[in-house]
Amino acid sequence: MNPKTLDLAPGAPRLLEKAPDDLKPYLKPEAYQSMIEIVTPVCQDLWEVEAFFREKLKQLETLANKEGLLILSASLHPFARAKEQILYEDPRYEAIFKELKIVGRRFIAQGLHVHLGMPSEEEALRLYRHLLAYLPLLLALTTSSPFYEGENTGFHSYRTKLFEVLPLAGLPRDFSSWQEYEELLLHLKRYEIIASIRDLWWDVRIQPALGTVEIRIYDAPGRLNDLLAVVAFTRVLAERLLETSLSPFPREIHLYGKWQAARHGLEGLFVDPQDRRRKFLSEALEELRILLRPKAKALGLSGYWEMLHDLLKRRPASYRMLALRETGATFAEIIAILREEFWS
């Protein structure tokens, strides 16, 4: 961002070029020059994730400041104009935006992606299938995009709605077998609908080449501790789901839960796949926090479980942004407060 106006600035190419050697491998370009992606190495535990972010995000922030730029962690900048953003010069992005036209140009959003290593294809598919019902919980924990181009959208995660209009994006379908999943990929590649798995912009997808299940439904958390809490919750929930047998839900119930999370945040409604009761997302998350606490402790994640408790009490960034706006705060003031609170 521009430090004077706090509007988005096309500074990512400069940061990519001037990043020191120990930071450069972890920085990636994004569709627009006002975005930059930071990618962790493969981590064996959450302490490695935390250590990486505390070091490399500080390093990136210092580099940005040196170059006259600021960094903001949120899924949508509250007032930046989509049509003013400059595309990153890359053949893949140029081809995508040539096809997407105005739909793609409106998509100036960022998110969090979490990869979970899987020991086998069968377990990857098992986790993928069970996660479909729980994705609304993960979105509700991370909402940070209530404003778009200076307007209150009425959503806690408007990024979600922008993303869903893209081709092959959003909530994917279920697969009854690994063979069915592979056959879909073969068909999509055979007819040149996709070039690789990267062209499937699903909320969760299996990455056979990486041996992971990649969860992509999250907004970008507004605080580092929130990010760590969400990753810890995802990790423990995955362990639980791999030990659980769930009857499949109709896809319409998954879609309903996702809409509720995007529209209402933690106050959204959710059909629990375990007890088949309709409840608030906040209620379902609190029940899981208590239920999974022993497993979190066994995995050495008790400290992060306290961060999860704090996140549920304080609520995600969208709540802070909306509350500040209701008290009369300008978007510039909201951005300044979010930046200050990121490390708290």
Protein backbone atom coordinates (compact mmCIF):
# COMPACT_ATOMS: atom_id res chain seq x y z
CA MET A 1 0.00 0.00 0.00
CA ASN A 2 0.93 3.63 -0.42
CA PRO A 3 1.85 4.85 3.10
CA LYS A 4 0.29 8.28 2.51
CA THR A 5 -3.05 7.30 0.96
CA LEU A 6 -3.21 3.70 2.27
CA ASP A 7 -4.53 2.75 -1.16
CA LEU A 8 -3.16 -0.30 -2.95
CA ALA A 9 0.12 0.30 -4.77
CA PRO A 10 1.76 -1.77 -7.56
CA GLY A 11 4.87 -2.48 -5.51
CA ALA A 12 5.10 -6.29 -5.54
CA PRO A 13 7.53 -6.50 -8.51
CA ARG A 14 9.92 -4.22 -6.66
CA LEU A 15 9.74 -6.36 -3.51
CA LEU A 16 10.28 -9.54 -5.52
CA GLU A 17 13.32 -8.02 -7.20
CA LYS A 18 14.92 -6.54 -4.08
CA ALA A 19 14.15 -9.31 -1.58
CA PRO A 20 17.29 -10.70 0.10
CA ASP A 21 18.38 -14.21 -0.83
CA ASP A 22 17.03 -15.76 2.39
CA LEU A 23 13.54 -14.30 1.73
CA LYS A 24 13.25 -14.40 -2.06
CA PRO A 25 12.43 -18.15 -2.43
CA TYR A 26 9.32 -17.72 -0.29
CA LEU A 27 7.81 -14.77 -2.18
CA LYS A 28 5.63 -15.31 -5.24
CA PRO A 29 3.88 -12.94 -7.64
CA GLU A 30 0.10 -12.79 -7.71
CA ALA A 31 -2.37 -11.68 -10.37
CA TYR A 32 -2.01 -8.00 -9.53
CA GLN A 33 1.12 -5.98 -8.82
CA SER A 34 -0.49 -4.77 -5.58
CA MET A 35 -0.46 -8.34 -4.18
CA ILE A 36 2.35 -10.58 -3.01
CA GLU A 37 2.19 -14.19 -1.84
CA ILE A 38 4.37 -15.65 0.90
CA VAL A 39 4.78 -19.44 0.94
CA THR A 40 6.14 -21.46 3.83
CA PRO A 41 8.53 -24.36 3.31
CA VAL A 42 7.27 -27.83 4.20
CA CYS A 43 6.82 -27.73 7.99
CA GLN A 44 6.67 -30.74 10.28
CA ASP A 45 4.81 -28.95 13.06
CA LEU A 46 3.09 -25.67 13.87
CA TRP A 47 6.07 -24.26 15.75
CA GLU A 48 7.97 -24.26 12.46
CA VAL A 49 5.08 -22.40 10.82
CA GLU A 50 5.05 -19.80 13.59
CA ALA A 51 8.82 -19.33 13.56
CA PHE A 52 8.76 -18.91 9.78
CA PHE A 53 6.04 -16.28 9.80
CA ARG A 54 7.46 -14.32 12.72
CA GLU A 55 10.80 -14.09 10.94
CA LYS A 56 9.84 -13.80 7.26
CA LEU A 57 6.79 -11.57 7.63
CA LYS A 58 8.87 -9.14 9.71
CA GLN A 59 11.53 -9.31 7.04
CA LEU A 60 8.96 -8.63 4.30
CA GLU A 61 7.47 -5.77 6.30
CA THR A 62 10.92 -4.22 6.78
CA LEU A 63 11.67 -4.54 3.07
CA ALA A 64 8.32 -2.97 2.16
CA ASN A 65 8.92 -0.04 4.51
CA LYS A 66 12.36 0.48 3.00
CA GLU A 67 10.74 0.65 -0.45
CA GLY A 68 8.09 3.12 0.72
CA LEU A 69 5.30 0.54 0.98
CA LEU A 70 3.06 -0.97 3.63
CA ILE A 71 1.70 -4.52 4.00
CA LEU A 72 -1.91 -5.33 4.95
CA SER A 73 -3.29 -8.78 5.84
CA ALA A 74 -6.96 -8.82 4.80
CA SER A 75 -8.86 -10.56 2.03
CA LEU A 76 -10.17 -7.33 0.52
CA HIS A 77 -8.77 -3.83 0.75
CA PRO A 78 -11.75 -1.77 1.96
CA PHE A 79 -11.72 1.00 -0.64
CA ALA A 80 -9.29 0.19 -3.48
CA ARG A 81 -10.78 0.23 -6.99
CA ALA A 82 -10.44 -2.96 -9.00
CA LYS A 83 -10.13 -1.24 -12.37
CA GLU A 84 -7.11 0.75 -11.14
CA GLN A 85 -5.02 -2.34 -10.32
CA ILE A 86 -2.16 -3.28 -12.65
CA LEU A 87 -1.89 -6.89 -13.78
CA TYR A 88 1.31 -8.80 -13.14
CA GLU A 89 3.12 -9.43 -16.41
CA ASP A 90 2.92 -13.19 -16.71
CA PRO A 91 1.65 -15.29 -19.66
CA ARG A 92 -0.59 -17.42 -17.42
CA TYR A 93 -2.26 -14.43 -15.76
CA GLU A 94 -2.58 -12.62 -19.09
CA ALA A 95 -4.37 -15.63 -20.62
CA ILE A 96 -6.65 -16.00 -17.60
CA PHE A 97 -7.71 -12.36 -17.59
CA LYS A 98 -8.16 -12.29 -21.36
CA GLU A 99 -10.80 -14.97 -20.84
CA LEU A 100 -12.35 -13.68 -17.61
CA LYS A 101 -12.78 -10.06 -18.71
CA ILE A 102 -14.65 -7.92 -16.16
CA VAL A 103 -15.31 -10.91 -13.90
CA GLY A 104 -11.59 -11.41 -13.35
CA ARG A 105 -10.83 -7.69 -13.12
CA ARG A 106 -13.18 -7.40 -10.14
CA PHE A 107 -11.35 -10.12 -8.25
CA ILE A 108 -8.78 -8.21 -6.17
CA ALA A 109 -8.83 -10.57 -3.22
CA GLN A 110 -6.37 -12.62 -1.18
CA GLY A 111 -6.75 -15.67 1.02
CA LEU A 112 -5.00 -18.27 3.13
CA HIS A 113 -4.18 -21.75 1.79
CA VAL A 114 -3.27 -24.62 4.12
CA HIS A 115 -1.68 -27.88 2.89
CA LEU A 116 -1.98 -31.01 4.99
CA GLY A 117 0.39 -33.85 4.15
CA MET A 118 -1.35 -37.17 3.55
CA PRO A 119 0.15 -40.68 3.83
CA SER A 120 -1.94 -42.16 1.00
CA GLU A 121 -4.40 -41.38 -1.76
CA GLU A 122 -7.18 -43.13 0.13
CA GLU A 123 -6.69 -41.04 3.25
CA ALA A 124 -6.43 -37.87 1.18
CA LEU A 125 -9.79 -38.62 -0.43
CA ARG A 126 -11.30 -39.54 2.95
CA LEU A 127 -10.24 -36.23 4.46
CA TYR A 128 -11.36 -34.31 1.38
CA ARG A 129 -14.84 -35.86 1.53
CA HIS A 130 -15.30 -35.21 5.26
CA LEU A 131 -13.99 -31.65 5.02
CA LEU A 132 -16.72 -30.66 2.56
CA ALA A 133 -19.18 -30.49 5.45
CA TYR A 134 -16.80 -28.53 7.71
CA LEU A 135 -15.59 -25.85 5.29
CA PRO A 136 -18.13 -23.27 6.56
CA LEU A 137 -16.48 -23.44 10.00
CA LEU A 138 -13.06 -22.67 8.53
CA LEU A 139 -14.42 -19.72 6.58
CA ALA A 140 -16.29 -18.35 9.60
CA LEU A 141 -13.05 -18.31 11.61
CA THR A 142 -11.21 -16.11 9.10
CA THR A 143 -13.66 -13.56 7.61
CA SER A 144 -11.90 -10.31 6.72
CA SER A 145 -13.63 -8.89 3.63
CA PRO A 146 -16.81 -6.98 4.55
CA PHE A 147 -16.05 -3.95 2.35
CA TYR A 148 -15.52 -3.67 -1.39
CA GLU A 149 -14.60 -0.48 -3.25
CA GLY A 150 -15.72 1.65 -0.32
CA GLU A 151 -19.09 -0.06 0.26
CA ASN A 152 -20.37 -2.24 3.07
CA THR A 153 -21.29 -5.40 1.17
CA GLY A 154 -23.49 -6.90 3.89
CA PHE A 155 -21.17 -9.92 3.95
CA HIS A 156 -18.43 -10.88 6.38
CA SER A 157 -16.61 -12.54 3.47
CA TYR A 158 -17.42 -10.82 0.20
CA ARG A 159 -14.22 -12.32 -1.20
CA THR A 160 -16.07 -15.64 -1.18
CA LYS A 161 -18.78 -14.31 -3.47
CA LEU A 162 -16.28 -12.71 -5.85
CA PHE A 163 -14.38 -15.97 -6.08
CA GLU A 164 -17.44 -18.11 -6.83
CA VAL A 165 -18.11 -16.43 -10.18
CA LEU A 166 -14.78 -17.68 -11.53
CA PRO A 167 -14.84 -20.85 -13.65
CA LEU A 168 -14.13 -24.11 -11.80
CA ALA A 169 -14.15 -22.26 -8.47
CA GLY A 170 -15.94 -22.59 -5.17
CA LEU A 171 -17.32 -25.65 -3.44
CA PRO A 172 -16.35 -28.85 -5.32
CA ARG A 173 -18.39 -32.00 -5.60
CA ASP A 174 -17.90 -35.23 -3.72
CA PHE A 175 -16.10 -38.25 -5.17
CA SER A 176 -16.94 -41.83 -4.22
CA SER A 177 -13.50 -43.17 -5.16
CA TRP A 178 -9.99 -42.15 -6.09
CA GLN A 179 -10.62 -43.53 -9.58
CA GLU A 180 -13.56 -41.16 -10.03
CA TYR A 181 -11.37 -38.22 -9.02
CA GLU A 182 -8.57 -39.25 -11.41
CA GLU A 183 -11.04 -39.74 -14.26
CA LEU A 184 -12.36 -36.21 -13.82
CA LEU A 185 -8.82 -34.80 -14.01
CA LEU A 186 -8.11 -36.86 -17.13
CA HIS A 187 -11.27 -35.60 -18.85
CA LEU A 188 -10.57 -31.98 -17.97
CA LYS A 189 -7.03 -32.24 -19.31
CA ARG A 190 -8.01 -34.24 -22.40
CA TYR A 191 -10.45 -31.55 -23.50
CA GLU A 192 -8.00 -28.79 -22.53
CA ILE A 193 -10.36 -27.36 -19.95
CA ILE A 194 -7.47 -27.26 -17.48
CA ALA A 195 -3.73 -27.49 -17.96
CA SER A 196 -3.03 -28.67 -14.43
CA ILE A 197 -4.57 -28.96 -10.97
CA ARG A 198 -3.74 -25.25 -10.49
CA ASP A 199 -6.68 -24.41 -12.75
CA LEU A 200 -9.17 -25.96 -10.34
CA TRP A 201 -9.89 -23.06 -7.98
CA TRP A 202 -11.84 -25.17 -5.52
CA ASP A 203 -12.34 -24.43 -1.82
CA VAL A 204 -10.52 -27.69 -1.11
CA ARG A 205 -8.58 -29.85 -3.54
CA ILE A 206 -6.30 -32.85 -3.51
CA GLN A 207 -2.77 -32.22 -4.76
CA PRO A 208 -1.45 -35.64 -5.89
CA ALA A 209 1.96 -34.30 -6.92
CA LEU A 210 2.48 -32.74 -3.48
CA GLY A 211 0.82 -35.49 -1.48
CA THR A 212 -1.45 -32.97 0.25
CA VAL A 213 -5.01 -31.90 0.75
CA GLU A 214 -5.05 -28.15 0.11
CA ILE A 215 -7.73 -26.11 1.89
CA ARG A 216 -8.40 -22.77 0.22
CA ILE A 217 -11.72 -21.52 1.59
CA TYR A 218 -10.21 -19.21 4.21
CA ASP A 219 -10.15 -15.44 4.10
CA ALA A 220 -6.77 -13.97 5.09
CA PRO A 221 -6.79 -13.72 8.92
CA GLY A 222 -6.28 -10.24 10.33
CA ARG A 223 -3.88 -11.23 13.14
CA LEU A 224 -0.93 -13.59 13.15
CA ASN A 225 -2.23 -15.37 16.26
CA ASP A 226 -5.56 -15.89 14.48
CA LEU A 227 -3.75 -17.47 11.53
CA LEU A 228 -1.89 -19.83 13.85
CA ALA A 229 -5.10 -20.72 15.71
CA VAL A 230 -6.87 -21.51 12.43
CA VAL A 231 -4.03 -23.72 11.22
CA ALA A 232 -3.99 -25.53 14.59
CA PHE A 233 -7.75 -26.06 14.45
CA THR A 234 -7.49 -27.34 10.88
CA ARG A 235 -4.72 -29.75 11.85
CA VAL A 236 -6.60 -31.18 14.84
CA LEU A 237 -9.92 -31.33 13.00
CA ALA A 238 -8.24 -33.26 10.19
CA GLU A 239 -6.87 -35.81 12.67
CA ARG A 240 -10.37 -36.22 14.08
CA LEU A 241 -12.01 -36.59 10.67
CA LEU A 242 -9.56 -39.26 9.57
CA GLU A 243 -10.68 -41.31 12.60
CA THR A 244 -14.39 -40.67 11.98
CA SER A 245 -17.00 -42.23 9.75
CA LEU A 246 -19.53 -39.72 8.42
CA SER A 247 -22.51 -40.27 6.17
CA PRO A 248 -22.31 -37.94 3.16
CA PHE A 249 -24.42 -34.76 3.22
CA PRO A 250 -26.29 -33.44 0.19
CA ARG A 251 -24.23 -30.78 -1.58
CA GLU A 252 -27.01 -28.26 -1.03
CA ILE A 253 -26.39 -28.42 2.73
CA HIS A 254 -22.70 -27.66 2.17
CA LEU A 255 -23.67 -24.71 -0.03
CA TYR A 256 -26.11 -23.46 2.59
CA GLY A 257 -23.46 -23.54 5.31
CA LYS A 258 -20.93 -21.74 3.14
CA TRP A 259 -23.43 -18.99 2.29
CA GLN A 260 -24.27 -18.57 5.97
CA ALA A 261 -20.59 -18.23 6.92
CA ALA A 262 -19.89 -15.72 4.14
CA ARG A 263 -23.02 -13.68 4.83
CA HIS A 264 -23.31 -13.79 8.63
CA GLY A 265 -19.90 -14.88 9.91
CA LEU A 266 -20.04 -16.71 13.24
CA GLU A 267 -23.75 -15.88 13.54
CA GLY A 268 -24.45 -17.97 10.45
CA LEU A 269 -26.32 -21.27 10.71
CA PHE A 270 -24.72 -24.67 10.19
CA VAL A 271 -25.99 -28.25 10.02
CA ASP A 272 -23.62 -30.31 12.16
CA PRO A 273 -22.60 -33.50 10.30
CA GLN A 274 -22.18 -35.36 13.60
CA ASP A 275 -25.46 -34.80 15.44
CA ARG A 276 -27.43 -33.51 12.39
CA ARG A 277 -28.62 -30.48 14.36
CA ARG A 278 -28.89 -26.96 12.95
CA LYS A 279 -26.90 -24.55 15.11
CA PHE A 280 -24.94 -21.34 14.94
CA LEU A 281 -21.44 -21.61 13.52
CA SER A 282 -20.10 -20.08 16.74
CA GLU A 283 -21.87 -22.82 18.74
CA ALA A 284 -20.50 -25.59 16.53
CA LEU A 285 -16.98 -24.17 16.77
CA GLU A 286 -17.13 -23.88 20.56
CA GLU A 287 -18.37 -27.47 20.85
CA LEU A 288 -15.48 -28.65 18.67
CA ARG A 289 -12.98 -26.54 20.60
CA ILE A 290 -13.98 -28.32 23.80
CA LEU A 291 -14.31 -31.77 22.20
CA LEU A 292 -10.95 -31.61 20.46
CA ARG A 293 -8.98 -30.03 23.31
CA PRO A 294 -7.54 -33.40 24.51
CA LYS A 295 -6.38 -34.19 20.97
CA ALA A 296 -4.83 -30.73 20.66
CA LYS A 297 -3.00 -31.31 23.94
CA ALA A 298 -1.79 -34.73 22.78
CA LEU A 299 -0.41 -33.10 19.63
CA GLY A 300 1.38 -30.44 21.71
CA LEU A 301 -0.91 -27.65 20.48
CA SER A 302 -2.40 -26.43 23.77
CA GLY A 303 -0.93 -22.96 23.38
CA TYR A 304 -2.51 -22.58 19.97
CA TRP A 305 -5.79 -23.87 21.38
CA GLU A 306 -5.77 -20.88 23.74
CA MET A 307 -5.31 -18.68 20.67
CA LEU A 308 -8.39 -20.36 19.18
CA HIS A 309 -10.34 -19.55 22.35
CA ASP A 310 -9.18 -15.94 22.08
CA LEU A 311 -10.18 -15.79 18.40
CA LEU A 312 -13.70 -17.02 19.19
CA LYS A 313 -14.04 -14.41 21.93
CA ARG A 314 -12.55 -11.50 19.97
CA ARG A 315 -14.00 -12.68 16.65
CA PRO A 316 -12.34 -12.44 13.23
CA ALA A 317 -11.17 -9.25 11.54
CA SER A 318 -14.46 -8.57 9.74
CA TYR A 319 -16.15 -7.88 13.09
CA ARG A 320 -13.45 -5.40 14.08
CA MET A 321 -13.69 -3.65 10.71
CA LEU A 322 -17.48 -3.37 10.84
CA ALA A 323 -17.51 -2.20 14.47
CA LEU A 324 -14.93 0.50 13.73
CA ARG A 325 -16.91 1.69 10.72
CA GLU A 326 -20.10 1.91 12.78
CA THR A 327 -18.34 4.22 15.25
CA GLY A 328 -17.42 6.54 12.38
CA ALA A 329 -13.87 5.41 11.66
CA THR A 330 -12.56 6.13 8.18
CA PHE A 331 -11.23 3.31 6.03
CA ALA A 332 -7.74 4.72 6.50
CA GLU A 333 -8.17 4.56 10.27
CA ILE A 334 -9.49 0.98 10.03
CA ILE A 335 -6.45 -0.06 7.98
CA ALA A 336 -4.07 1.58 10.46
CA ILE A 337 -5.72 -0.25 13.39
CA LEU A 338 -5.66 -3.60 11.56
CA ARG A 339 -1.97 -3.18 10.81
CA GLU A 340 -1.23 -2.29 14.43
CA GLU A 341 -3.18 -5.28 15.74
CA PHE A 342 -1.66 -7.86 13.37
CA TRP A 343 1.23 -8.62 15.73
CA SER A 344 -0.81 -8.34 18.95
